[in-house]
Amino acid sequence: MSSPEISVLMPTYNYASYLPEAIASVLSQDFQDFELLIVDDASTDNTVEVVNPFCVRDARVRLTVNSANLGMVNNWNNCLKEARGKYIKYLFGDDKLSDPQALTKLITLLRNNPGATLAASARAILDEKSNMTGIWRPLPDGCHNGRKVISACLIENGNMVGEPSSVLFRKADVQRGFDPRFRQIVDIEMWFHLLEQGDLAYTREPLCAYRLHARQQSAVNDNEGVAWKEHLLFFSRYATKPGFSRQARFSALFALRRSRQKKPGPFHAELLDTEHRLASQLGGIWYALHWIWYRLTIPLRNLRRSMEKALIRARLSRRPGRKDITQP
C-alpha cells in the first residue's frame, strides 16, 4: 500500500457530538491523497459508534482506540507514530476545516517555500453550536523568518502561529515528537522548535475553524492554574536565549512582574530566577525606555484591534445566522 501525501491526525476524547462535522470537513476536501487517522483516547461516550460508519464508507478513514487513556500529549504523539504520510495535518475532534481547499492551500504553501518548516492559516472561531463568532489572523500573508516569528510571539506574549488544527508540517521535521512535560504550551513549544530550523509560510485565509468550549483541554488547564505558570515559565526562559531583541526580553520581564503583582504570595523559584536573569540582561534603563514605549503604544494597538473587529463584524453581519462577537 502506497503512503498518502498527507496524514490528517485526529486525536479525540469524548467528542462524539463534534466528530461528524470534523470528519465531513476532511472528506469534502478537493485534495484527495490523504489518510484520516482518528485515535480515540479511551473515550467514555459513543465515539466508536459515531466513527465506524465513516470507516466503512471510506477506506482512507482509520480508527484506533487506545486500551487506556494516555492523556492529551501522549495521544498526539501516538497519532504521529501511526502516521504514514509525508505531511502532517492535525485536526482535533472538536474542530474542523472551514475551506474545502484547506489541504491544497496549506501543502502548496510548504511546497512553494522550501525553507519553511511550518505552514499555518488564520482560523475561524466557533462556539459549541458551530456558530462562527470571529476570526483570528495575527500575522500578514507571506513567508516569515522563523526566529522573527518567535520574537513576535515573545513580544506579544502569545501564540501567533495558531493551534495544531491550523498548521501543517513535514513528518521528517518532528521526529522527536511533542514534549510530554508540558500540558498547556505543548503546541507553541513545538512551533518554536520548528521555527528555529526554518520559516513560517502563512495565509490570512481562515482555512480551519477552532472551537471554544468549556470541555477543551486549554479551558481545563486554565481552571487548574496550569496555563499561566507554564506559559510564563516557557516564554520567559526562551527570552533569555541569545539573539532575541531587548523588546522581547522586556515583554517577558514585564509579564513576569505583572503576574507576580496579580498573584501575591510565594512565586515559583525558577520564575524568580528567570526574572532576575532577564533584568540583568536588559538593564534598568532599557526596561524603563521600553515601559514608556509600551504605555505610549497601547492606545494605538487598541485602536487597530477595534478597527479590525469592526471590519470583521461588518463581514459577519452580511452572512445570515452569524454572530458578531469577534477577536482578530
C-alpha atoms as a PDB file:
ATOM      1  CA  MET A   1       0.000   0.000   0.000  1.00  0.00           C
ATOM      2  CA  SER A   2       1.472   3.353  -1.058  1.00  0.00           C
ATOM      3  CA  SER A   3       1.832   6.059   1.559  1.00  0.00           C
ATOM      4  CA  PRO A   4      -0.544   9.040   1.348  1.00  0.00           C
ATOM      5  CA  GLU A   5       0.818  12.538   0.816  1.00  0.00           C
ATOM      6  CA  ILE A   6      -0.909  13.928   3.929  1.00  0.00           C
ATOM      7  CA  SER A   7      -1.794  12.258   7.209  1.00  0.00           C
ATOM      8  CA  VAL A   8      -4.721  14.060   8.818  1.00  0.00           C
ATOM      9  CA  LEU A   9      -4.444  13.154  12.503  1.00  0.00           C
ATOM     10  CA  MET A  10      -7.499  13.474  14.707  1.00  0.00           C
ATOM     11  CA  PRO A  11      -6.817  12.796  18.400  1.00  0.00           C
ATOM     12  CA  THR A  12     -10.085  12.744  20.290  1.00  0.00           C
ATOM     13  CA  TYR A  13     -11.538  12.163  23.729  1.00  0.00           C
ATOM     14  CA  ASN A  14     -15.284  12.294  24.407  1.00  0.00           C
ATOM     15  CA  TYR A  15     -16.006  14.468  21.359  1.00  0.00           C
ATOM     16  CA  ALA A  16     -18.587  12.184  19.708  1.00  0.00           C
ATOM     17  CA  SER A  17     -21.020  15.075  19.234  1.00  0.00           C
ATOM     18  CA  TYR A  18     -18.463  17.087  17.217  1.00  0.00           C
ATOM     19  CA  LEU A  19     -16.786  14.280  15.240  1.00  0.00           C
ATOM     20  CA  PRO A  20     -19.233  14.010  12.296  1.00  0.00           C
ATOM     21  CA  GLU A  21     -18.668  17.683  11.444  1.00  0.00           C
ATOM     22  CA  ALA A  22     -14.882  17.347  11.781  1.00  0.00           C
ATOM     23  CA  ILE A  23     -14.694  14.165   9.682  1.00  0.00           C
ATOM     24  CA  ALA A  24     -17.024  15.526   6.985  1.00  0.00           C
ATOM     25  CA  SER A  25     -14.823  18.630   6.644  1.00  0.00           C
ATOM     26  CA  VAL A  26     -11.862  16.375   5.787  1.00  0.00           C
ATOM     27  CA  LEU A  27     -13.735  14.099   3.385  1.00  0.00           C
ATOM     28  CA  SER A  28     -15.059  17.121   1.469  1.00  0.00           C
ATOM     29  CA  GLN A  29     -11.536  18.371   0.627  1.00  0.00           C
ATOM     30  CA  ASP A  30     -10.575  18.753  -3.015  1.00  0.00           C
ATOM     31  CA  PHE A  31      -7.141  17.284  -2.139  1.00  0.00           C
ATOM     32  CA  GLN A  32      -7.714  13.526  -2.143  1.00  0.00           C
ATOM     33  CA  ASP A  33      -4.340  11.901  -1.376  1.00  0.00           C
ATOM     34  CA  PHE A  34      -4.699  11.691   2.403  1.00  0.00           C
ATOM     35  CA  GLU A  35      -5.384   9.310   5.222  1.00  0.00           C
ATOM     36  CA  LEU A  36      -7.595  10.310   8.140  1.00  0.00           C
ATOM     37  CA  LEU A  37      -6.349   8.623  11.289  1.00  0.00           C
ATOM     38  CA  ILE A  38      -8.685   9.017  14.273  1.00  0.00           C
ATOM     39  CA  VAL A  39      -7.141   7.978  17.586  1.00  0.00           C
ATOM     40  CA  ASP A  40      -9.640   7.735  20.416  1.00  0.00           C
ATOM     41  CA  ASP A  41      -8.077   8.059  23.855  1.00  0.00           C
ATOM     42  CA  ALA A  42     -10.407   5.561  25.585  1.00  0.00           C
ATOM     43  CA  SER A  43     -13.484   7.770  25.426  1.00  0.00           C
ATOM     44  CA  THR A  44     -16.476   7.005  27.620  1.00  0.00           C
ATOM     45  CA  ASP A  45     -19.027   8.297  25.088  1.00  0.00           C
ATOM     46  CA  ASN A  46     -20.197   6.710  21.802  1.00  0.00           C
ATOM     47  CA  THR A  47     -17.185   7.801  19.734  1.00  0.00           C
ATOM     48  CA  VAL A  48     -16.663   4.328  18.211  1.00  0.00           C
ATOM     49  CA  GLU A  49     -20.293   4.055  17.082  1.00  0.00           C
ATOM     50  CA  VAL A  50     -20.097   7.523  15.504  1.00  0.00           C
ATOM     51  CA  VAL A  51     -16.816   6.910  13.639  1.00  0.00           C
ATOM     52  CA  ASN A  52     -17.281   3.322  12.405  1.00  0.00           C
ATOM     53  CA  PRO A  53     -19.764   4.174   9.601  1.00  0.00           C
ATOM     54  CA  PHE A  54     -17.231   6.627   8.134  1.00  0.00           C
ATOM     55  CA  CYS A  55     -14.563   3.873   8.147  1.00  0.00           C
ATOM     56  CA  VAL A  56     -16.938   1.539   6.298  1.00  0.00           C
ATOM     57  CA  ARG A  57     -17.789   4.115   3.643  1.00  0.00           C
ATOM     58  CA  ASP A  58     -14.246   5.429   3.016  1.00  0.00           C
ATOM     59  CA  ALA A  59     -11.096   3.296   3.233  1.00  0.00           C
ATOM     60  CA  ARG A  60      -8.989   6.388   3.908  1.00  0.00           C
ATOM     61  CA  VAL A  61     -10.565   6.707   7.371  1.00  0.00           C
ATOM     62  CA  ARG A  62      -8.967   4.595  10.114  1.00  0.00           C
ATOM     63  CA  LEU A  63      -9.965   4.377  13.761  1.00  0.00           C
ATOM     64  CA  THR A  64      -7.638   3.333  16.560  1.00  0.00           C
ATOM     65  CA  VAL A  65      -8.861   3.083  20.162  1.00  0.00           C
ATOM     66  CA  ASN A  66      -6.304   3.251  22.970  1.00  0.00           C
ATOM     67  CA  SER A  67      -6.725   0.471  25.543  1.00  0.00           C
ATOM     68  CA  ALA A  68      -6.246   3.050  28.327  1.00  0.00           C
ATOM     69  CA  ASN A  69      -6.326   6.830  28.495  1.00  0.00           C
ATOM     70  CA  LEU A  70      -2.860   8.177  27.561  1.00  0.00           C
ATOM     71  CA  GLY A  71      -3.555  11.860  28.108  1.00  0.00           C
ATOM     72  CA  MET A  72      -3.552  14.641  25.535  1.00  0.00           C
ATOM     73  CA  VAL A  73       0.140  14.950  24.629  1.00  0.00           C
ATOM     74  CA  ASN A  74       0.862  11.222  24.604  1.00  0.00           C
ATOM     75  CA  ASN A  75      -2.138  10.726  22.346  1.00  0.00           C
ATOM     76  CA  TRP A  76      -0.834  13.403  19.956  1.00  0.00           C
ATOM     77  CA  ASN A  77       2.452  11.512  19.791  1.00  0.00           C
ATOM     78  CA  ASN A  78       0.617   8.226  19.334  1.00  0.00           C
ATOM     79  CA  CYS A  79      -1.095   9.732  16.288  1.00  0.00           C
ATOM     80  CA  LEU A  80       2.257  10.910  14.953  1.00  0.00           C
ATOM     81  CA  LYS A  81       3.797   7.475  15.376  1.00  0.00           C
ATOM     82  CA  GLU A  82       0.988   5.837  13.361  1.00  0.00           C
ATOM     83  CA  ALA A  83       1.020   8.423  10.556  1.00  0.00           C
ATOM     84  CA  ARG A  84       2.157   7.184   7.112  1.00  0.00           C
ATOM     85  CA  GLY A  85       2.084  10.478   5.208  1.00  0.00           C
ATOM     86  CA  LYS A  86       4.910  12.828   4.242  1.00  0.00           C
ATOM     87  CA  TYR A  87       2.981  15.823   5.628  1.00  0.00           C
ATOM     88  CA  ILE A  88       1.162  16.044   8.948  1.00  0.00           C
ATOM     89  CA  LYS A  89      -2.123  17.903   9.461  1.00  0.00           C
ATOM     90  CA  TYR A  90      -3.615  17.724  12.936  1.00  0.00           C
ATOM     91  CA  LEU A  91      -7.322  18.365  13.281  1.00  0.00           C
ATOM     92  CA  PHE A  92      -8.811  17.976  16.737  1.00  0.00           C
ATOM     93  CA  GLY A  93     -12.095  16.141  17.089  1.00  0.00           C
ATOM     94  CA  ASP A  94     -13.910  19.324  18.145  1.00  0.00           C
ATOM     95  CA  ASP A  95     -12.510  21.495  15.312  1.00  0.00           C
ATOM     96  CA  LYS A  96     -12.993  21.370  11.547  1.00  0.00           C
ATOM     97  CA  LEU A  97     -11.557  22.513   8.219  1.00  0.00           C
ATOM     98  CA  SER A  98     -13.527  25.561   7.118  1.00  0.00           C
ATOM     99  CA  ASP A  99     -12.415  25.640   3.477  1.00  0.00           C
ATOM    100  CA  PRO A 100     -12.743  22.700   1.017  1.00  0.00           C
ATOM    101  CA  GLN A 101      -9.309  23.659  -0.329  1.00  0.00           C
ATOM    102  CA  ALA A 102      -7.612  23.825   3.083  1.00  0.00           C
ATOM    103  CA  LEU A 103      -5.282  20.870   2.487  1.00  0.00           C
ATOM    104  CA  THR A 104      -4.432  22.054  -1.034  1.00  0.00           C
ATOM    105  CA  LYS A 105      -3.619  25.583   0.113  1.00  0.00           C
ATOM    106  CA  LEU A 106      -1.525  24.525   3.118  1.00  0.00           C
ATOM    107  CA  ILE A 107       0.543  21.944   1.250  1.00  0.00           C
ATOM    108  CA  THR A 108       1.078  24.471  -1.567  1.00  0.00           C
ATOM    109  CA  LEU A 109       2.450  26.946   0.983  1.00  0.00           C
ATOM    110  CA  LEU A 110       5.102  24.439   2.089  1.00  0.00           C
ATOM    111  CA  ARG A 111       5.918  23.271  -1.437  1.00  0.00           C
ATOM    112  CA  ASN A 112       6.328  26.851  -2.668  1.00  0.00           C
ATOM    113  CA  ASN A 113       8.511  27.778   0.318  1.00  0.00           C
ATOM    114  CA  PRO A 114      11.107  25.004   0.725  1.00  0.00           C
ATOM    115  CA  GLY A 115      12.805  26.938   3.539  1.00  0.00           C
ATOM    116  CA  ALA A 116       9.619  26.855   5.615  1.00  0.00           C
ATOM    117  CA  THR A 117       9.131  24.219   8.309  1.00  0.00           C
ATOM    118  CA  LEU A 118       5.565  25.303   9.133  1.00  0.00           C
ATOM    119  CA  ALA A 119       2.523  26.342   7.116  1.00  0.00           C
ATOM    120  CA  ALA A 120      -0.328  27.969   9.007  1.00  0.00           C
ATOM    121  CA  SER A 121      -3.522  29.864   8.380  1.00  0.00           C
ATOM    122  CA  ALA A 122      -5.846  32.243  10.125  1.00  0.00           C
ATOM    123  CA  ARG A 123      -8.646  30.438  11.923  1.00  0.00           C
ATOM    124  CA  ALA A 124     -12.342  30.990  12.363  1.00  0.00           C
ATOM    125  CA  ILE A 125     -13.700  30.698  15.901  1.00  0.00           C
ATOM    126  CA  LEU A 126     -16.744  28.531  16.605  1.00  0.00           C
ATOM    127  CA  ASP A 127     -18.984  28.255  19.629  1.00  0.00           C
ATOM    128  CA  GLU A 128     -20.450  24.990  20.913  1.00  0.00           C
ATOM    129  CA  LYS A 129     -23.282  25.186  18.365  1.00  0.00           C
ATOM    130  CA  SER A 130     -20.915  25.734  15.408  1.00  0.00           C
ATOM    131  CA  ASN A 131     -21.768  29.417  15.033  1.00  0.00           C
ATOM    132  CA  MET A 132     -18.781  31.390  13.780  1.00  0.00           C
ATOM    133  CA  THR A 133     -18.024  34.082  16.356  1.00  0.00           C
ATOM    134  CA  GLY A 134     -14.890  35.644  14.881  1.00  0.00           C
ATOM    135  CA  ILE A 135     -11.623  35.226  13.006  1.00  0.00           C
ATOM    136  CA  TRP A 136      -8.081  35.223  14.406  1.00  0.00           C
ATOM    137  CA  ARG A 137      -5.457  36.384  11.909  1.00  0.00           C
ATOM    138  CA  PRO A 138      -2.482  37.829  13.854  1.00  0.00           C
ATOM    139  CA  LEU A 139       0.087  37.756  11.014  1.00  0.00           C
ATOM    140  CA  PRO A 140       0.297  39.136   7.465  1.00  0.00           C
ATOM    141  CA  ASP A 141       0.363  36.890   4.395  1.00  0.00           C
ATOM    142  CA  GLY A 142       3.735  35.591   3.288  1.00  0.00           C
ATOM    143  CA  CYS A 143       6.797  33.648   4.340  1.00  0.00           C
ATOM    144  CA  HIS A 144       8.201  34.894   7.649  1.00  0.00           C
ATOM    145  CA  ASN A 145      11.644  34.313   9.138  1.00  0.00           C
ATOM    146  CA  GLY A 146      11.297  31.690  11.865  1.00  0.00           C
ATOM    147  CA  ARG A 147      13.234  33.495  14.580  1.00  0.00           C
ATOM    148  CA  LYS A 148      11.348  36.725  13.874  1.00  0.00           C
ATOM    149  CA  VAL A 149       8.075  34.852  14.389  1.00  0.00           C
ATOM    150  CA  ILE A 150       9.398  33.536  17.705  1.00  0.00           C
ATOM    151  CA  SER A 151      10.328  37.116  18.656  1.00  0.00           C
ATOM    152  CA  ALA A 152       6.834  38.310  17.711  1.00  0.00           C
ATOM    153  CA  CYS A 153       5.335  35.629  19.967  1.00  0.00           C
ATOM    154  CA  LEU A 154       7.600  36.715  22.822  1.00  0.00           C
ATOM    155  CA  ILE A 155       6.767  40.396  22.298  1.00  0.00           C
ATOM    156  CA  GLU A 156       3.009  39.760  22.108  1.00  0.00           C
ATOM    157  CA  ASN A 157       3.283  37.192  24.921  1.00  0.00           C
ATOM    158  CA  GLY A 158       1.139  34.757  22.962  1.00  0.00           C
ATOM    159  CA  ASN A 159       0.827  32.102  20.260  1.00  0.00           C
ATOM    160  CA  MET A 160       0.930  33.998  16.957  1.00  0.00           C
ATOM    161  CA  VAL A 161       1.087  30.787  14.887  1.00  0.00           C
ATOM    162  CA  GLY A 162      -2.103  29.051  15.956  1.00  0.00           C
ATOM    163  CA  GLU A 163      -3.384  25.818  17.411  1.00  0.00           C
ATOM    164  CA  PRO A 164      -2.419  22.422  15.927  1.00  0.00           C
ATOM    165  CA  SER A 165      -5.629  22.366  13.865  1.00  0.00           C
ATOM    166  CA  SER A 166      -4.384  25.416  11.908  1.00  0.00           C
ATOM    167  CA  VAL A 167      -0.920  24.179  10.847  1.00  0.00           C
ATOM    168  CA  LEU A 168       0.724  21.677   8.509  1.00  0.00           C
ATOM    169  CA  PHE A 169       4.327  20.440   8.616  1.00  0.00           C
ATOM    170  CA  ARG A 170       6.591  17.658   7.314  1.00  0.00           C
ATOM    171  CA  LYS A 171       6.739  14.482   9.365  1.00  0.00           C
ATOM    172  CA  ALA A 172      10.518  14.333   8.884  1.00  0.00           C
ATOM    173  CA  ASP A 173      10.890  17.589  10.848  1.00  0.00           C
ATOM    174  CA  VAL A 174       9.102  16.382  14.009  1.00  0.00           C
ATOM    175  CA  GLN A 175      10.670  13.010  14.723  1.00  0.00           C
ATOM    176  CA  ARG A 176      11.285  13.975  18.364  1.00  0.00           C
ATOM    177  CA  GLY A 177       7.521  14.388  18.938  1.00  0.00           C
ATOM    178  CA  PHE A 178       5.703  16.765  21.264  1.00  0.00           C
ATOM    179  CA  ASP A 179       7.207  17.293  24.705  1.00  0.00           C
ATOM    180  CA  PRO A 180       5.045  15.445  27.304  1.00  0.00           C
ATOM    181  CA  ARG A 181       6.481  17.563  30.138  1.00  0.00           C
ATOM    182  CA  PHE A 182       4.044  20.295  29.113  1.00  0.00           C
ATOM    183  CA  ARG A 183       0.251  20.397  29.307  1.00  0.00           C
ATOM    184  CA  GLN A 184      -0.680  23.875  28.063  1.00  0.00           C
ATOM    185  CA  ILE A 185       2.014  25.289  25.785  1.00  0.00           C
ATOM    186  CA  VAL A 186       2.946  21.966  24.164  1.00  0.00           C
ATOM    187  CA  ASP A 187       1.983  23.244  20.704  1.00  0.00           C
ATOM    188  CA  ILE A 188       3.915  26.539  20.811  1.00  0.00           C
ATOM    189  CA  GLU A 189       6.938  24.675  22.204  1.00  0.00           C
ATOM    190  CA  MET A 190       6.892  22.538  19.038  1.00  0.00           C
ATOM    191  CA  TRP A 191       6.350  25.578  16.801  1.00  0.00           C
ATOM    192  CA  PHE A 192       9.406  27.279  18.343  1.00  0.00           C
ATOM    193  CA  HIS A 193      11.409  24.075  17.783  1.00  0.00           C
ATOM    194  CA  LEU A 194      10.399  24.079  14.100  1.00  0.00           C
ATOM    195  CA  LEU A 195      10.870  27.824  13.643  1.00  0.00           C
ATOM    196  CA  GLU A 196      14.441  27.632  14.875  1.00  0.00           C
ATOM    197  CA  GLN A 197      15.031  25.327  11.885  1.00  0.00           C
ATOM    198  CA  GLY A 198      13.117  27.249   9.211  1.00  0.00           C
ATOM    199  CA  ASP A 199      10.437  29.768   8.275  1.00  0.00           C
ATOM    200  CA  LEU A 200       6.666  30.095   8.617  1.00  0.00           C
ATOM    201  CA  ALA A 201       4.505  30.259   5.480  1.00  0.00           C
ATOM    202  CA  TYR A 202       1.271  31.979   6.466  1.00  0.00           C
ATOM    203  CA  THR A 203      -2.066  32.816   4.865  1.00  0.00           C
ATOM    204  CA  ARG A 204      -4.713  35.125   6.306  1.00  0.00           C
ATOM    205  CA  GLU A 205      -7.438  32.941   4.809  1.00  0.00           C
ATOM    206  CA  PRO A 206      -9.243  31.116   7.661  1.00  0.00           C
ATOM    207  CA  LEU A 207      -8.734  27.560   6.423  1.00  0.00           C
ATOM    208  CA  CYS A 208      -9.669  25.908   9.707  1.00  0.00           C
ATOM    209  CA  ALA A 209     -12.175  26.525  12.475  1.00  0.00           C
ATOM    210  CA  TYR A 210     -11.221  26.293  16.149  1.00  0.00           C
ATOM    211  CA  ARG A 211     -13.972  25.636  18.673  1.00  0.00           C
ATOM    212  CA  LEU A 212     -14.089  27.344  22.074  1.00  0.00           C
ATOM    213  CA  HIS A 213     -15.982  25.438  24.767  1.00  0.00           C
ATOM    214  CA  ALA A 214     -15.717  24.578  28.444  1.00  0.00           C
ATOM    215  CA  ARG A 215     -14.571  20.958  27.937  1.00  0.00           C
ATOM    216  CA  GLN A 216     -11.476  21.643  25.821  1.00  0.00           C
ATOM    217  CA  GLN A 217      -8.119  20.914  27.430  1.00  0.00           C
ATOM    218  CA  SER A 218      -6.960  24.540  27.470  1.00  0.00           C
ATOM    219  CA  ALA A 219     -10.053  25.529  29.474  1.00  0.00           C
ATOM    220  CA  VAL A 220      -9.414  22.679  31.924  1.00  0.00           C
ATOM    221  CA  ASN A 221      -5.761  23.723  32.307  1.00  0.00           C
ATOM    222  CA  ASP A 222      -6.856  27.311  32.892  1.00  0.00           C
ATOM    223  CA  ASN A 223      -9.199  26.269  35.666  1.00  0.00           C
ATOM    224  CA  GLU A 224      -6.496  24.156  37.305  1.00  0.00           C
ATOM    225  CA  GLY A 225      -3.944  27.012  37.271  1.00  0.00           C
ATOM    226  CA  VAL A 226      -1.590  25.159  34.923  1.00  0.00           C
ATOM    227  CA  ALA A 227      -1.860  27.530  31.966  1.00  0.00           C
ATOM    228  CA  TRP A 228      -0.383  30.797  33.278  1.00  0.00           C
ATOM    229  CA  LYS A 229       2.518  29.137  35.098  1.00  0.00           C
ATOM    230  CA  GLU A 230       3.647  27.021  32.134  1.00  0.00           C
ATOM    231  CA  HIS A 231       3.209  29.917  29.732  1.00  0.00           C
ATOM    232  CA  LEU A 232       5.175  32.359  31.868  1.00  0.00           C
ATOM    233  CA  LEU A 233       7.997  29.940  32.546  1.00  0.00           C
ATOM    234  CA  PHE A 234       8.404  28.847  28.930  1.00  0.00           C
ATOM    235  CA  PHE A 235       8.179  32.311  27.361  1.00  0.00           C
ATOM    236  CA  SER A 236      10.442  33.987  29.902  1.00  0.00           C
ATOM    237  CA  ARG A 237      13.017  31.189  29.699  1.00  0.00           C
ATOM    238  CA  TYR A 238      13.026  31.447  25.900  1.00  0.00           C
ATOM    239  CA  ALA A 239      13.534  35.212  26.030  1.00  0.00           C
ATOM    240  CA  THR A 240      16.836  34.744  27.888  1.00  0.00           C
ATOM    241  CA  LYS A 241      18.309  32.898  24.890  1.00  0.00           C
ATOM    242  CA  PRO A 242      20.931  34.740  22.794  1.00  0.00           C
ATOM    243  CA  GLY A 243      19.764  36.530  19.671  1.00  0.00           C
ATOM    244  CA  PHE A 244      16.407  37.885  20.814  1.00  0.00           C
ATOM    245  CA  SER A 245      15.727  41.617  20.978  1.00  0.00           C
ATOM    246  CA  ARG A 246      15.529  43.833  24.040  1.00  0.00           C
ATOM    247  CA  GLN A 247      11.858  44.282  23.230  1.00  0.00           C
ATOM    248  CA  ALA A 248      11.292  40.507  23.533  1.00  0.00           C
ATOM    249  CA  ARG A 249      13.154  40.464  26.862  1.00  0.00           C
ATOM    250  CA  PHE A 250      11.166  43.444  28.099  1.00  0.00           C
ATOM    251  CA  SER A 251       7.848  41.754  27.233  1.00  0.00           C
ATOM    252  CA  ALA A 252       8.827  38.604  29.119  1.00  0.00           C
ATOM    253  CA  LEU A 253      10.101  40.564  32.124  1.00  0.00           C
ATOM    254  CA  PHE A 254       7.012  42.815  32.135  1.00  0.00           C
ATOM    255  CA  ALA A 255       4.709  39.742  32.071  1.00  0.00           C
ATOM    256  CA  LEU A 256       6.610  38.163  34.966  1.00  0.00           C
ATOM    257  CA  ARG A 257       6.457  41.278  37.123  1.00  0.00           C
ATOM    258  CA  ARG A 258       2.791  41.902  36.356  1.00  0.00           C
ATOM    259  CA  SER A 259       1.904  38.279  37.189  1.00  0.00           C
ATOM    260  CA  ARG A 260       3.766  38.495  40.483  1.00  0.00           C
ATOM    261  CA  GLN A 261       1.776  41.619  41.354  1.00  0.00           C
ATOM    262  CA  LYS A 262      -1.516  39.948  40.459  1.00  0.00           C
ATOM    263  CA  LYS A 263      -0.704  36.724  42.309  1.00  0.00           C
ATOM    264  CA  PRO A 264       0.827  37.738  45.652  1.00  0.00           C
ATOM    265  CA  GLY A 265       2.471  35.119  47.807  1.00  0.00           C
ATOM    266  CA  PRO A 266       5.206  32.555  47.107  1.00  0.00           C
ATOM    267  CA  PHE A 267       6.299  32.658  43.456  1.00  0.00           C
ATOM    268  CA  HIS A 268       7.756  29.746  41.505  1.00  0.00           C
ATOM    269  CA  ALA A 269      11.510  29.655  42.256  1.00  0.00           C
ATOM    270  CA  GLU A 270      12.519  29.206  38.616  1.00  0.00           C
ATOM    271  CA  LEU A 271      10.314  32.121  37.588  1.00  0.00           C
ATOM    272  CA  LEU A 272      12.064  34.344  40.120  1.00  0.00           C
ATOM    273  CA  ASP A 273      15.451  33.187  38.873  1.00  0.00           C
ATOM    274  CA  THR A 274      14.430  33.855  35.252  1.00  0.00           C
ATOM    275  CA  GLU A 275      13.119  37.287  36.224  1.00  0.00           C
ATOM    276  CA  HIS A 276      16.486  38.184  37.751  1.00  0.00           C
ATOM    277  CA  ARG A 277      18.333  36.928  34.647  1.00  0.00           C
ATOM    278  CA  LEU A 278      16.118  38.958  32.319  1.00  0.00           C
ATOM    279  CA  ALA A 279      16.510  42.076  34.468  1.00  0.00           C
ATOM    280  CA  SER A 280      20.278  41.635  34.396  1.00  0.00           C
ATOM    281  CA  GLN A 281      20.363  41.094  30.606  1.00  0.00           C
ATOM    282  CA  LEU A 282      18.052  44.010  29.870  1.00  0.00           C
ATOM    283  CA  GLY A 283      19.345  46.610  32.313  1.00  0.00           C
ATOM    284  CA  GLY A 284      17.285  49.173  34.204  1.00  0.00           C
ATOM    285  CA  ILE A 285      17.484  51.963  31.631  1.00  0.00           C
ATOM    286  CA  TRP A 286      16.294  49.725  28.790  1.00  0.00           C
ATOM    287  CA  TYR A 287      13.412  48.406  30.884  1.00  0.00           C
ATOM    288  CA  ALA A 288      12.334  51.988  31.646  1.00  0.00           C
ATOM    289  CA  LEU A 289      12.541  53.023  27.974  1.00  0.00           C
ATOM    290  CA  HIS A 290      10.569  50.004  26.802  1.00  0.00           C
ATOM    291  CA  TRP A 291       7.990  50.565  29.555  1.00  0.00           C
ATOM    292  CA  ILE A 292       7.439  54.117  28.289  1.00  0.00           C
ATOM    293  CA  TRP A 293       7.207  52.837  24.705  1.00  0.00           C
ATOM    294  CA  TYR A 294       4.706  50.154  25.795  1.00  0.00           C
ATOM    295  CA  ARG A 295       2.450  52.636  27.593  1.00  0.00           C
ATOM    296  CA  LEU A 296       2.519  55.098  24.681  1.00  0.00           C
ATOM    297  CA  THR A 297       1.657  52.477  22.054  1.00  0.00           C
ATOM    298  CA  ILE A 298      -1.208  50.801  23.963  1.00  0.00           C
ATOM    299  CA  PRO A 299      -3.842  53.281  22.623  1.00  0.00           C
ATOM    300  CA  LEU A 300      -2.637  52.745  19.040  1.00  0.00           C
ATOM    301  CA  ARG A 301      -2.759  48.952  19.380  1.00  0.00           C
ATOM    302  CA  ASN A 302      -6.219  49.097  20.930  1.00  0.00           C
ATOM    303  CA  LEU A 303      -7.425  51.368  18.114  1.00  0.00           C
ATOM    304  CA  ARG A 304      -6.061  48.992  15.471  1.00  0.00           C
ATOM    305  CA  ARG A 305      -7.724  45.992  17.119  1.00  0.00           C
ATOM    306  CA  SER A 306     -11.018  47.863  17.404  1.00  0.00           C
ATOM    307  CA  MET A 307     -10.910  48.691  13.694  1.00  0.00           C
ATOM    308  CA  GLU A 308     -10.145  45.073  12.804  1.00  0.00           C
ATOM    309  CA  LYS A 309     -13.049  43.891  14.968  1.00  0.00           C
ATOM    310  CA  ALA A 310     -15.372  46.404  13.318  1.00  0.00           C
ATOM    311  CA  LEU A 311     -14.399  45.134   9.853  1.00  0.00           C
ATOM    312  CA  ILE A 312     -14.983  41.519  10.895  1.00  0.00           C
ATOM    313  CA  ARG A 313     -18.357  42.403  12.443  1.00  0.00           C
ATOM    314  CA  ALA A 314     -19.350  44.092   9.182  1.00  0.00           C
ATOM    315  CA  ARG A 315     -18.425  40.995   7.176  1.00  0.00           C
ATOM    316  CA  LEU A 316     -20.213  38.632   9.577  1.00  0.00           C
ATOM    317  CA  SER A 317     -23.324  40.802   9.636  1.00  0.00           C
ATOM    318  CA  ARG A 318     -23.703  40.204   5.892  1.00  0.00           C
ATOM    319  CA  ARG A 319     -23.854  36.430   6.494  1.00  0.00           C
ATOM    320  CA  PRO A 320     -27.226  35.130   7.706  1.00  0.00           C
ATOM    321  CA  GLY A 321     -27.176  33.296  11.037  1.00  0.00           C
ATOM    322  CA  ARG A 322     -23.735  34.531  12.110  1.00  0.00           C
ATOM    323  CA  LYS A 323     -22.888  36.037  15.478  1.00  0.00           C
ATOM    324  CA  ASP A 324     -20.812  39.217  15.706  1.00  0.00           C
ATOM    325  CA  ILE A 325     -18.513  38.639  18.704  1.00  0.00           C
ATOM    326  CA  THR A 326     -15.025  38.914  17.264  1.00  0.00           C
ATOM    327  CA  GLN A 327     -11.407  38.648  18.309  1.00  0.00           C
ATOM    328  CA  PRO A 328      -8.912  39.177  15.463  1.00  0.00           C
END
